[in-house]
Each structure stands twice: as structure tokens, then as C-alpha cells.
Amino acid sequence: MLFTSLRPLSILTVSVTLLAAGCAWLPPAADAPVAKRVAAL
């Protein structure tokens, strides 16, 4: 029962983690500060 109640939270945590990791690969916005755009390269 405890495992079942925690499962949705675990899935949500994994999803948020994957989403954050995916965003890290996106280039900065076109109007981002130059320093941020350089760091991404």
C-alpha cells in the first residue's frame, strides 16, 4: 500500500528530472546575454 501511494510521486520526480535535463541541452534564447550564449558553446 505504501509503495502504491509513493509511485505517482516517484514518476513525477523522474519526469521533472528528465525535463530539466532536456532543457539543459536547449540553446539559450536569441536575446539571452552574450555571456550565457558563450557559456552554452
PDB file of all heavy atoms in Angstrom:
ATOM      1  N   MET A   1       0.836  -1.206   0.000  1.00  0.00           N
ATOM      2  CA  MET A   1       0.000   0.000   0.000  1.00  0.00           C
ATOM      3  C   MET A   1       0.863   1.246   0.000  1.00  0.00           C
ATOM      4  O   MET A   1       0.625   2.197  -0.720  1.00  0.00           O
ATOM      5  CB  MET A   1      -0.909  -0.015   1.242  1.00  0.00           C
ATOM      6  CG  MET A   1      -1.975   1.050   1.234  1.00  0.00           C
ATOM      7  SD  MET A   1      -3.209   0.679  -0.041  1.00  0.00           S
ATOM      8  CE  MET A   1      -4.356   1.999   0.238  1.00  0.00           C
ATOM      9  N   LEU A   2       1.903   1.241   0.837  1.00  0.00           N
ATOM     10  CA  LEU A   2       2.819   2.373   0.895  1.00  0.00           C
ATOM     11  C   LEU A   2       3.497   2.576  -0.445  1.00  0.00           C
ATOM     12  O   LEU A   2       3.633   3.684  -0.946  1.00  0.00           O
ATOM     13  CB  LEU A   2       3.853   2.152   2.006  1.00  0.00           C
ATOM     14  CG  LEU A   2       4.888   3.265   2.178  1.00  0.00           C
ATOM     15  CD1 LEU A   2       4.198   4.564   2.550  1.00  0.00           C
ATOM     16  CD2 LEU A   2       5.897   2.866   3.247  1.00  0.00           C
ATOM     17  N   PHE A   3       3.927   1.471  -1.098  1.00  0.00           N
ATOM     18  CA  PHE A   3       4.598   1.534  -2.391  1.00  0.00           C
ATOM     19  C   PHE A   3       3.666   2.163  -3.425  1.00  0.00           C
ATOM     20  O   PHE A   3       4.065   3.021  -4.216  1.00  0.00           O
ATOM     21  CB  PHE A   3       5.008   0.121  -2.820  1.00  0.00           C
ATOM     22  CG  PHE A   3       5.591   0.091  -4.214  1.00  0.00           C
ATOM     23  CD1 PHE A   3       6.920   0.432  -4.414  1.00  0.00           C
ATOM     24  CD2 PHE A   3       4.819  -0.280  -5.300  1.00  0.00           C
ATOM     25  CE1 PHE A   3       7.463   0.401  -5.681  1.00  0.00           C
ATOM     26  CE2 PHE A   3       5.362  -0.316  -6.570  1.00  0.00           C
ATOM     27  CZ  PHE A   3       6.692   0.028  -6.765  1.00  0.00           C
ATOM     28  N   THR A   4       2.401   1.757  -3.393  1.00  0.00           N
ATOM     29  CA  THR A   4       1.435   2.284  -4.344  1.00  0.00           C
ATOM     30  C   THR A   4       1.240   3.779  -4.163  1.00  0.00           C
ATOM     31  O   THR A   4       1.153   4.538  -5.137  1.00  0.00           O
ATOM     32  CB  THR A   4       0.088   1.558  -4.177  1.00  0.00           C
ATOM     33  OG1 THR A   4       0.300   0.159  -4.337  1.00  0.00           O
ATOM     34  CG2 THR A   4      -0.927   2.053  -5.199  1.00  0.00           C
ATOM     35  N   SER A   5       1.195   4.246  -2.924  1.00  0.00           N
ATOM     36  CA  SER A   5       0.950   5.666  -2.672  1.00  0.00           C
ATOM     37  C   SER A   5       2.140   6.528  -3.085  1.00  0.00           C
ATOM     38  O   SER A   5       1.976   7.697  -3.404  1.00  0.00           O
ATOM     39  CB  SER A   5       0.633   5.888  -1.182  1.00  0.00           C
ATOM     40  OG  SER A   5       1.763   5.562  -0.406  1.00  0.00           O
ATOM     41  N   LEU A   6       3.357   5.970  -3.080  1.00  0.00           N
ATOM     42  CA  LEU A   6       4.541   6.733  -3.429  1.00  0.00           C
ATOM     43  C   LEU A   6       4.832   6.723  -4.927  1.00  0.00           C
ATOM     44  O   LEU A   6       5.546   7.576  -5.432  1.00  0.00           O
ATOM     45  CB  LEU A   6       5.770   6.184  -2.689  1.00  0.00           C
ATOM     46  CG  LEU A   6       5.829   6.435  -1.196  1.00  0.00           C
ATOM     47  CD1 LEU A   6       7.055   5.754  -0.624  1.00  0.00           C
ATOM     48  CD2 LEU A   6       5.869   7.929  -0.889  1.00  0.00           C
ATOM     49  N   ARG A   7       4.253   5.789  -5.653  1.00  0.00           N
ATOM     50  CA  ARG A   7       4.597   5.598  -7.052  1.00  0.00           C
ATOM     51  C   ARG A   7       4.330   6.835  -7.922  1.00  0.00           C
ATOM     52  O   ARG A   7       5.190   7.244  -8.698  1.00  0.00           O
ATOM     53  CB  ARG A   7       3.854   4.393  -7.606  1.00  0.00           C
ATOM     54  CG  ARG A   7       4.323   4.004  -8.996  1.00  0.00           C
ATOM     55  CD  ARG A   7       3.614   2.766  -9.471  1.00  0.00           C
ATOM     56  NE  ARG A   7       4.020   2.405 -10.804  1.00  0.00           N
ATOM     57  CZ  ARG A   7       3.489   1.428 -11.504  1.00  0.00           C
ATOM     58  NH1 ARG A   7       2.511   0.709 -10.967  1.00  0.00           N
ATOM     59  NH2 ARG A   7       3.906   1.156 -12.715  1.00  0.00           N
ATOM     60  N   PRO A   8       3.160   7.492  -7.794  1.00  0.00           N
ATOM     61  CA  PRO A   8       2.926   8.684  -8.608  1.00  0.00           C
ATOM     62  C   PRO A   8       3.951   9.774  -8.353  1.00  0.00           C
ATOM     63  O   PRO A   8       4.395  10.468  -9.266  1.00  0.00           O
ATOM     64  CB  PRO A   8       1.519   9.131  -8.203  1.00  0.00           C
ATOM     65  CG  PRO A   8       0.876   7.886  -7.672  1.00  0.00           C
ATOM     66  CD  PRO A   8       1.970   7.142  -7.001  1.00  0.00           C
ATOM     67  N   LEU A   9       4.361   9.938  -7.078  1.00  0.00           N
ATOM     68  CA  LEU A   9       5.351  10.947  -6.743  1.00  0.00           C
ATOM     69  C   LEU A   9       6.685  10.624  -7.384  1.00  0.00           C
ATOM     70  O   LEU A   9       7.379  11.496  -7.901  1.00  0.00           O
ATOM     71  CB  LEU A   9       5.489  11.039  -5.218  1.00  0.00           C
ATOM     72  CG  LEU A   9       6.513  12.064  -4.703  1.00  0.00           C
ATOM     73  CD1 LEU A   9       6.125  13.466  -5.170  1.00  0.00           C
ATOM     74  CD2 LEU A   9       6.589  12.012  -3.184  1.00  0.00           C
ATOM     75  N   SER A  10       7.069   9.336  -7.388  1.00  0.00           N
ATOM     76  CA  SER A  10       8.334   8.936  -7.988  1.00  0.00           C
ATOM     77  C   SER A  10       8.331   9.205  -9.482  1.00  0.00           C
ATOM     78  O   SER A  10       9.315   9.688 -10.054  1.00  0.00           O
ATOM     79  CB  SER A  10       8.590   7.444  -7.732  1.00  0.00           C
ATOM     80  OG  SER A  10       8.645   7.188  -6.356  1.00  0.00           O
ATOM     81  N   ILE A  11       7.215   8.897 -10.148  1.00  0.00           N
ATOM     82  CA  ILE A  11       7.116   9.145 -11.589  1.00  0.00           C
ATOM     83  C   ILE A  11       7.236  10.634 -11.877  1.00  0.00           C
ATOM     84  O   ILE A  11       7.908  11.057 -12.802  1.00  0.00           O
ATOM     85  CB  ILE A  11       5.795   8.588 -12.133  1.00  0.00           C
ATOM     86  CG1 ILE A  11       5.797   7.057 -12.041  1.00  0.00           C
ATOM     87  CG2 ILE A  11       5.564   9.042 -13.571  1.00  0.00           C
ATOM     88  CD1 ILE A  11       4.480   6.427 -12.429  1.00  0.00           C
ATOM     89  N   LEU A  12       6.554  11.445 -11.031  1.00  0.00           N
ATOM     90  CA  LEU A  12       6.617  12.884 -11.210  1.00  0.00           C
ATOM     91  C   LEU A  12       8.041  13.391 -11.040  1.00  0.00           C
ATOM     92  O   LEU A  12       8.522  14.223 -11.818  1.00  0.00           O
ATOM     93  CB  LEU A  12       5.686  13.565 -10.208  1.00  0.00           C
ATOM     94  CG  LEU A  12       5.687  15.106 -10.229  1.00  0.00           C
ATOM     95  CD1 LEU A  12       5.234  15.601 -11.598  1.00  0.00           C
ATOM     96  CD2 LEU A  12       4.792  15.647  -9.128  1.00  0.00           C
ATOM     97  N   THR A  13       8.743  12.865 -10.026  1.00  0.00           N
ATOM     98  CA  THR A  13      10.120  13.290  -9.783  1.00  0.00           C
ATOM     99  C   THR A  13      11.008  12.967 -10.966  1.00  0.00           C
ATOM    100  O   THR A  13      11.816  13.785 -11.410  1.00  0.00           O
ATOM    101  CB  THR A  13      10.666  12.610  -8.513  1.00  0.00           C
ATOM    102  OG1 THR A  13       9.830  12.954  -7.417  1.00  0.00           O
ATOM    103  CG2 THR A  13      12.085  13.058  -8.239  1.00  0.00           C
ATOM    104  N   VAL A  14      10.862  11.731 -11.488  1.00  0.00           N
ATOM    105  CA  VAL A  14      11.661  11.327 -12.644  1.00  0.00           C
ATOM    106  C   VAL A  14      11.338  12.203 -13.846  1.00  0.00           C
ATOM    107  O   VAL A  14      12.244  12.636 -14.581  1.00  0.00           O
ATOM    108  CB  VAL A  14      11.412   9.842 -12.978  1.00  0.00           C
ATOM    109  CG1 VAL A  14      12.070   9.482 -14.300  1.00  0.00           C
ATOM    110  CG2 VAL A  14      11.958   8.957 -11.864  1.00  0.00           C
ATOM    111  N   SER A  15      10.065  12.502 -14.052  1.00  0.00           N
ATOM    112  CA  SER A  15       9.661  13.313 -15.196  1.00  0.00           C
ATOM    113  C   SER A  15      10.258  14.707 -15.117  1.00  0.00           C
ATOM    114  O   SER A  15      10.757  15.243 -16.101  1.00  0.00           O
ATOM    115  CB  SER A  15       8.132  13.417 -15.265  1.00  0.00           C
ATOM    116  OG  SER A  15       7.559  12.139 -15.435  1.00  0.00           O
ATOM    117  N   VAL A  16      10.205  15.306 -13.919  1.00  0.00           N
ATOM    118  CA  VAL A  16      10.771  16.641 -13.743  1.00  0.00           C
ATOM    119  C   VAL A  16      12.277  16.624 -13.985  1.00  0.00           C
ATOM    120  O   VAL A  16      12.842  17.513 -14.613  1.00  0.00           O
ATOM    121  CB  VAL A  16      10.448  17.179 -12.333  1.00  0.00           C
ATOM    122  CG1 VAL A  16      11.237  18.454 -12.058  1.00  0.00           C
ATOM    123  CG2 VAL A  16       8.958  17.428 -12.200  1.00  0.00           C
ATOM    124  N   THR A  17      12.938  15.581 -13.482  1.00  0.00           N
ATOM    125  CA  THR A  17      14.388  15.463 -13.670  1.00  0.00           C
ATOM    126  C   THR A  17      14.751  15.354 -15.140  1.00  0.00           C
ATOM    127  O   THR A  17      15.677  16.010 -15.627  1.00  0.00           O
ATOM    128  CB  THR A  17      14.918  14.231 -12.919  1.00  0.00           C
ATOM    129  OG1 THR A  17      14.601  14.371 -11.541  1.00  0.00           O
ATOM    130  CG2 THR A  17      16.427  14.110 -13.085  1.00  0.00           C
ATOM    131  N   LEU A  18      14.002  14.525 -15.876  1.00  0.00           N
ATOM    132  CA  LEU A  18      14.273  14.358 -17.306  1.00  0.00           C
ATOM    133  C   LEU A  18      13.995  15.641 -18.061  1.00  0.00           C
ATOM    134  O   LEU A  18      14.733  15.993 -18.978  1.00  0.00           O
ATOM    135  CB  LEU A  18      13.415  13.219 -17.869  1.00  0.00           C
ATOM    136  CG  LEU A  18      13.797  11.810 -17.411  1.00  0.00           C
ATOM    137  CD1 LEU A  18      12.782  10.792 -17.953  1.00  0.00           C
ATOM    138  CD2 LEU A  18      15.208  11.444 -17.869  1.00  0.00           C
ATOM    139  N   LEU A  19      12.931  16.342 -17.668  1.00  0.00           N
ATOM    140  CA  LEU A  19      12.606  17.586 -18.331  1.00  0.00           C
ATOM    141  C   LEU A  19      13.704  18.616 -18.113  1.00  0.00           C
ATOM    142  O   LEU A  19      14.121  19.312 -19.037  1.00  0.00           O
ATOM    143  CB  LEU A  19      11.271  18.117 -17.807  1.00  0.00           C
ATOM    144  CG  LEU A  19      10.778  19.462 -18.413  1.00  0.00           C
ATOM    145  CD1 LEU A  19      10.579  19.294 -19.908  1.00  0.00           C
ATOM    146  CD2 LEU A  19       9.494  19.916 -17.735  1.00  0.00           C
ATOM    147  N   ALA A  20      14.201  18.675 -16.892  1.00  0.00           N
ATOM    148  CA  ALA A  20      15.277  19.622 -16.591  1.00  0.00           C
ATOM    149  C   ALA A  20      16.529  19.284 -17.377  1.00  0.00           C
ATOM    150  O   ALA A  20      17.226  20.162 -17.886  1.00  0.00           O
ATOM    151  CB  ALA A  20      15.574  19.613 -15.084  1.00  0.00           C
ATOM    152  N   ALA A  21      16.824  17.991 -17.482  1.00  0.00           N
ATOM    153  CA  ALA A  21      18.000  17.573 -18.249  1.00  0.00           C
ATOM    154  C   ALA A  21      17.838  17.919 -19.712  1.00  0.00           C
ATOM    155  O   ALA A  21      18.786  18.365 -20.374  1.00  0.00           O
ATOM    156  CB  ALA A  21      18.213  16.062 -18.087  1.00  0.00           C
ATOM    157  N   GLY A  22      16.628  17.744 -20.231  1.00  0.00           N
ATOM    158  CA  GLY A  22      16.377  18.081 -21.630  1.00  0.00           C
ATOM    159  C   GLY A  22      16.544  19.564 -21.880  1.00  0.00           C
ATOM    160  O   GLY A  22      17.118  19.979 -22.886  1.00  0.00           O
ATOM    161  N   CYS A  23      16.063  20.399 -20.975  1.00  0.00           N
ATOM    162  CA  CYS A  23      16.178  21.848 -21.131  1.00  0.00           C
ATOM    163  C   CYS A  23      17.630  22.300 -21.133  1.00  0.00           C
ATOM    164  O   CYS A  23      17.988  23.290 -21.758  1.00  0.00           O
ATOM    165  CB  CYS A  23      15.427  22.569 -20.011  1.00  0.00           C
ATOM    166  SG  CYS A  23      13.620  22.401 -20.155  1.00  0.00           S
ATOM    167  N   ALA A  24      18.477  21.561 -20.415  1.00  0.00           N
ATOM    168  CA  ALA A  24      19.886  21.931 -20.353  1.00  0.00           C
ATOM    169  C   ALA A  24      20.557  21.841 -21.713  1.00  0.00           C
ATOM    170  O   ALA A  24      21.569  22.489 -21.971  1.00  0.00           O
ATOM    171  CB  ALA A  24      20.617  21.035 -19.348  1.00  0.00           C
ATOM    172  N   TRP A  25      19.981  21.043 -22.626  1.00  0.00           N
ATOM    173  CA  TRP A  25      20.564  20.881 -23.949  1.00  0.00           C
ATOM    174  C   TRP A  25      20.062  21.933 -24.920  1.00  0.00           C
ATOM    175  O   TRP A  25      20.597  22.059 -26.022  1.00  0.00           O
ATOM    176  CB  TRP A  25      20.248  19.480 -24.479  1.00  0.00           C
ATOM    177  CG  TRP A  25      21.028  18.412 -23.776  1.00  0.00           C
ATOM    178  CD1 TRP A  25      20.602  17.622 -22.746  1.00  0.00           C
ATOM    179  CD2 TRP A  25      22.374  18.025 -24.019  1.00  0.00           C
ATOM    180  NE1 TRP A  25      21.594  16.775 -22.338  1.00  0.00           N
ATOM    181  CE2 TRP A  25      22.696  16.988 -23.109  1.00  0.00           C
ATOM    182  CE3 TRP A  25      23.341  18.451 -24.929  1.00  0.00           C
ATOM    183  CZ2 TRP A  25      23.946  16.381 -23.080  1.00  0.00           C
ATOM    184  CZ3 TRP A  25      24.596  17.842 -24.895  1.00  0.00           C
ATOM    185  CH2 TRP A  25      24.877  16.824 -23.976  1.00  0.00           C
ATOM    186  N   LEU A  26      19.021  22.673 -24.547  1.00  0.00           N
ATOM    187  CA  LEU A  26      18.492  23.685 -25.443  1.00  0.00           C
ATOM    188  C   LEU A  26      19.395  24.913 -25.437  1.00  0.00           C
ATOM    189  O   LEU A  26      19.861  25.335 -24.378  1.00  0.00           O
ATOM    190  CB  LEU A  26      17.081  24.083 -25.007  1.00  0.00           C
ATOM    191  CG  LEU A  26      16.012  22.988 -25.093  1.00  0.00           C
ATOM    192  CD1 LEU A  26      14.697  23.503 -24.532  1.00  0.00           C
ATOM    193  CD2 LEU A  26      15.836  22.509 -26.529  1.00  0.00           C
ATOM    194  N   PRO A  27      19.657  25.523 -26.614  1.00  0.00           N
ATOM    195  CA  PRO A  27      20.481  26.727 -26.629  1.00  0.00           C
ATOM    196  C   PRO A  27      19.753  27.883 -25.963  1.00  0.00           C
ATOM    197  O   PRO A  27      18.512  27.914 -25.932  1.00  0.00           O
ATOM    198  CB  PRO A  27      20.683  26.984 -28.127  1.00  0.00           C
ATOM    199  CG  PRO A  27      19.527  26.314 -28.791  1.00  0.00           C
ATOM    200  CD  PRO A  27      19.223  25.114 -27.948  1.00  0.00           C
ATOM    201  N   PRO A  28      20.478  28.845 -25.413  1.00  0.00           N
ATOM    202  CA  PRO A  28      19.826  29.995 -24.793  1.00  0.00           C
ATOM    203  C   PRO A  28      18.996  30.759 -25.812  1.00  0.00           C
ATOM    204  O   PRO A  28      19.203  30.662 -27.018  1.00  0.00           O
ATOM    205  CB  PRO A  28      21.015  30.845 -24.310  1.00  0.00           C
ATOM    206  CG  PRO A  28      22.167  29.901 -24.239  1.00  0.00           C
ATOM    207  CD  PRO A  28      21.935  28.891 -25.322  1.00  0.00           C
ATOM    208  N   ALA A  29      18.056  31.531 -25.324  1.00  0.00           N
ATOM    209  CA  ALA A  29      17.213  32.336 -26.200  1.00  0.00           C
ATOM    210  C   ALA A  29      18.059  33.322 -26.989  1.00  0.00           C
ATOM    211  O   ALA A  29      19.159  33.700 -26.570  1.00  0.00           O
ATOM    212  CB  ALA A  29      16.175  33.080 -25.372  1.00  0.00           C
ATOM    213  N   ALA A  30      17.519  33.757 -28.123  1.00  0.00           N
ATOM    214  CA  ALA A  30      18.266  34.643 -29.014  1.00  0.00           C
ATOM    215  C   ALA A  30      18.628  35.963 -28.352  1.00  0.00           C
ATOM    216  O   ALA A  30      19.614  36.599 -28.721  1.00  0.00           O
ATOM    217  CB  ALA A  30      17.462  34.894 -30.284  1.00  0.00           C
ATOM    218  N   ASP A  31      17.809  36.367 -27.372  1.00  0.00           N
ATOM    219  CA  ASP A  31      18.077  37.632 -26.694  1.00  0.00           C
ATOM    220  C   ASP A  31      18.762  37.434 -25.339  1.00  0.00           C
ATOM    221  O   ASP A  31      18.838  38.378 -24.539  1.00  0.00           O
ATOM    222  CB  ASP A  31      16.786  38.427 -26.519  1.00  0.00           C
ATOM    223  CG  ASP A  31      15.736  37.667 -25.704  1.00  0.00           C
ATOM    224  OD1 ASP A  31      15.945  36.470 -25.447  1.00  0.00           O
ATOM    225  OD2 ASP A  31      14.713  38.282 -25.347  1.00  0.00           O
ATOM    226  N   ALA A  32      19.265  36.240 -25.092  1.00  0.00           N
ATOM    227  CA  ALA A  32      19.973  35.970 -23.831  1.00  0.00           C
ATOM    228  C   ALA A  32      21.263  36.770 -23.791  1.00  0.00           C
ATOM    229  O   ALA A  32      21.829  37.111 -24.843  1.00  0.00           O
ATOM    230  CB  ALA A  32      20.263  34.484 -23.700  1.00  0.00           C
ATOM    231  N   PRO A  33      21.768  37.083 -22.600  1.00  0.00           N
ATOM    232  CA  PRO A  33      23.054  37.783 -22.510  1.00  0.00           C
ATOM    233  C   PRO A  33      24.141  37.030 -23.258  1.00  0.00           C
ATOM    234  O   PRO A  33      24.132  35.794 -23.314  1.00  0.00           O
ATOM    235  CB  PRO A  33      23.320  37.823 -21.000  1.00  0.00           C
ATOM    236  CG  PRO A  33      21.972  37.712 -20.370  1.00  0.00           C
ATOM    237  CD  PRO A  33      21.173  36.832 -21.280  1.00  0.00           C
ATOM    238  N   VAL A  34      25.073  37.773 -23.832  1.00  0.00           N
ATOM    239  CA  VAL A  34      26.142  37.149 -24.611  1.00  0.00           C
ATOM    240  C   VAL A  34      26.917  36.137 -23.770  1.00  0.00           C
ATOM    241  O   VAL A  34      27.265  35.055 -24.246  1.00  0.00           O
ATOM    242  CB  VAL A  34      27.091  38.230 -25.173  1.00  0.00           C
ATOM    243  CG1 VAL A  34      28.345  37.591 -25.793  1.00  0.00           C
ATOM    244  CG2 VAL A  34      26.369  39.075 -26.211  1.00  0.00           C
ATOM    245  N   ALA A  35      27.173  36.464 -22.512  1.00  0.00           N
ATOM    246  CA  ALA A  35      27.930  35.555 -21.648  1.00  0.00           C
ATOM    247  C   ALA A  35      27.235  34.202 -21.528  1.00  0.00           C
ATOM    248  O   ALA A  35      27.891  33.156 -21.525  1.00  0.00           O
ATOM    249  CB  ALA A  35      28.124  36.177 -20.264  1.00  0.00           C
ATOM    250  N   LYS A  36      25.920  34.215 -21.446  1.00  0.00           N
ATOM    251  CA  LYS A  36      25.165  32.960 -21.340  1.00  0.00           C
ATOM    252  C   LYS A  36      25.241  32.186 -22.645  1.00  0.00           C
ATOM    253  O   LYS A  36      25.384  30.954 -22.665  1.00  0.00           O
ATOM    254  CB  LYS A  36      23.708  33.255 -20.975  1.00  0.00           C
ATOM    255  CG  LYS A  36      22.871  32.005 -20.726  1.00  0.00           C
ATOM    256  CD  LYS A  36      21.479  32.356 -20.221  1.00  0.00           C
ATOM    257  CE  LYS A  36      20.664  31.110 -19.919  1.00  0.00           C
ATOM    258  NZ  LYS A  36      19.307  31.457 -19.402  1.00  0.00           N
ATOM    259  N   ARG A  37      25.165  32.888 -23.773  1.00  0.00           N
ATOM    260  CA  ARG A  37      25.245  32.217 -25.067  1.00  0.00           C
ATOM    261  C   ARG A  37      26.635  31.629 -25.294  1.00  0.00           C
ATOM    262  O   ARG A  37      26.780  30.541 -25.847  1.00  0.00           O
ATOM    263  CB  ARG A  37      24.874  33.193 -26.192  1.00  0.00           C
ATOM    264  CG  ARG A  37      23.384  33.465 -26.285  1.00  0.00           C
ATOM    265  CD  ARG A  37      23.061  34.379 -27.455  1.00  0.00           C
ATOM    266  NE  ARG A  37      23.152  35.781 -27.096  1.00  0.00           N
ATOM    267  CZ  ARG A  37      23.114  36.777 -27.969  1.00  0.00           C
ATOM    268  NH1 ARG A  37      23.014  36.517 -29.269  1.00  0.00           N
ATOM    269  NH2 ARG A  37      23.151  38.028 -27.570  1.00  0.00           N
ATOM    270  N   VAL A  38      27.645  32.348 -24.857  1.00  0.00           N
ATOM    271  CA  VAL A  38      29.017  31.841 -24.994  1.00  0.00           C
ATOM    272  C   VAL A  38      29.203  30.603 -24.136  1.00  0.00           C
ATOM    273  O   VAL A  38      29.772  29.600 -24.581  1.00  0.00           O
ATOM    274  CB  VAL A  38      30.036  32.934 -24.608  1.00  0.00           C
ATOM    275  CG1 VAL A  38      31.447  32.341 -24.504  1.00  0.00           C
ATOM    276  CG2 VAL A  38      30.023  34.066 -25.633  1.00  0.00           C
ATOM    277  N   ALA A  39      28.719  30.641 -22.904  1.00  0.00           N
ATOM    278  CA  ALA A  39      28.868  29.501 -21.994  1.00  0.00           C
ATOM    279  C   ALA A  39      28.246  28.243 -22.577  1.00  0.00           C
ATOM    280  O   ALA A  39      28.765  27.135 -22.383  1.00  0.00           O
ATOM    281  CB  ALA A  39      28.247  29.827 -20.641  1.00  0.00           C
ATOM    282  N   ALA A  40      27.152  28.406 -23.329  1.00  0.00           N
ATOM    283  CA  ALA A  40      26.474  27.248 -23.913  1.00  0.00           C
ATOM    284  C   ALA A  40      27.279  26.612 -25.041  1.00  0.00           C
ATOM    285  O   ALA A  40      27.005  25.475 -25.426  1.00  0.00           O
ATOM    286  CB  ALA A  40      25.102  27.659 -24.437  1.00  0.00           C
ATOM    287  N   LEU A  41      28.271  27.323 -25.564  1.00  0.00           N
ATOM    288  CA  LEU A  41      29.090  26.806 -26.666  1.00  0.00           C
ATOM    289  C   LEU A  41      30.335  26.072 -26.175  1.00  0.00           C
ATOM    290  O   LEU A  41      31.011  25.404 -26.955  1.00  0.00           O
ATOM    291  CB  LEU A  41      29.525  27.961 -27.576  1.00  0.00           C
ATOM    292  CG  LEU A  41      28.407  28.797 -28.205  1.00  0.00           C
ATOM    293  CD1 LEU A  41      29.006  29.957 -28.992  1.00  0.00           C
ATOM    294  CD2 LEU A  41      27.516  27.950 -29.093  1.00  0.00           C
TER     295      LEU A  41
END
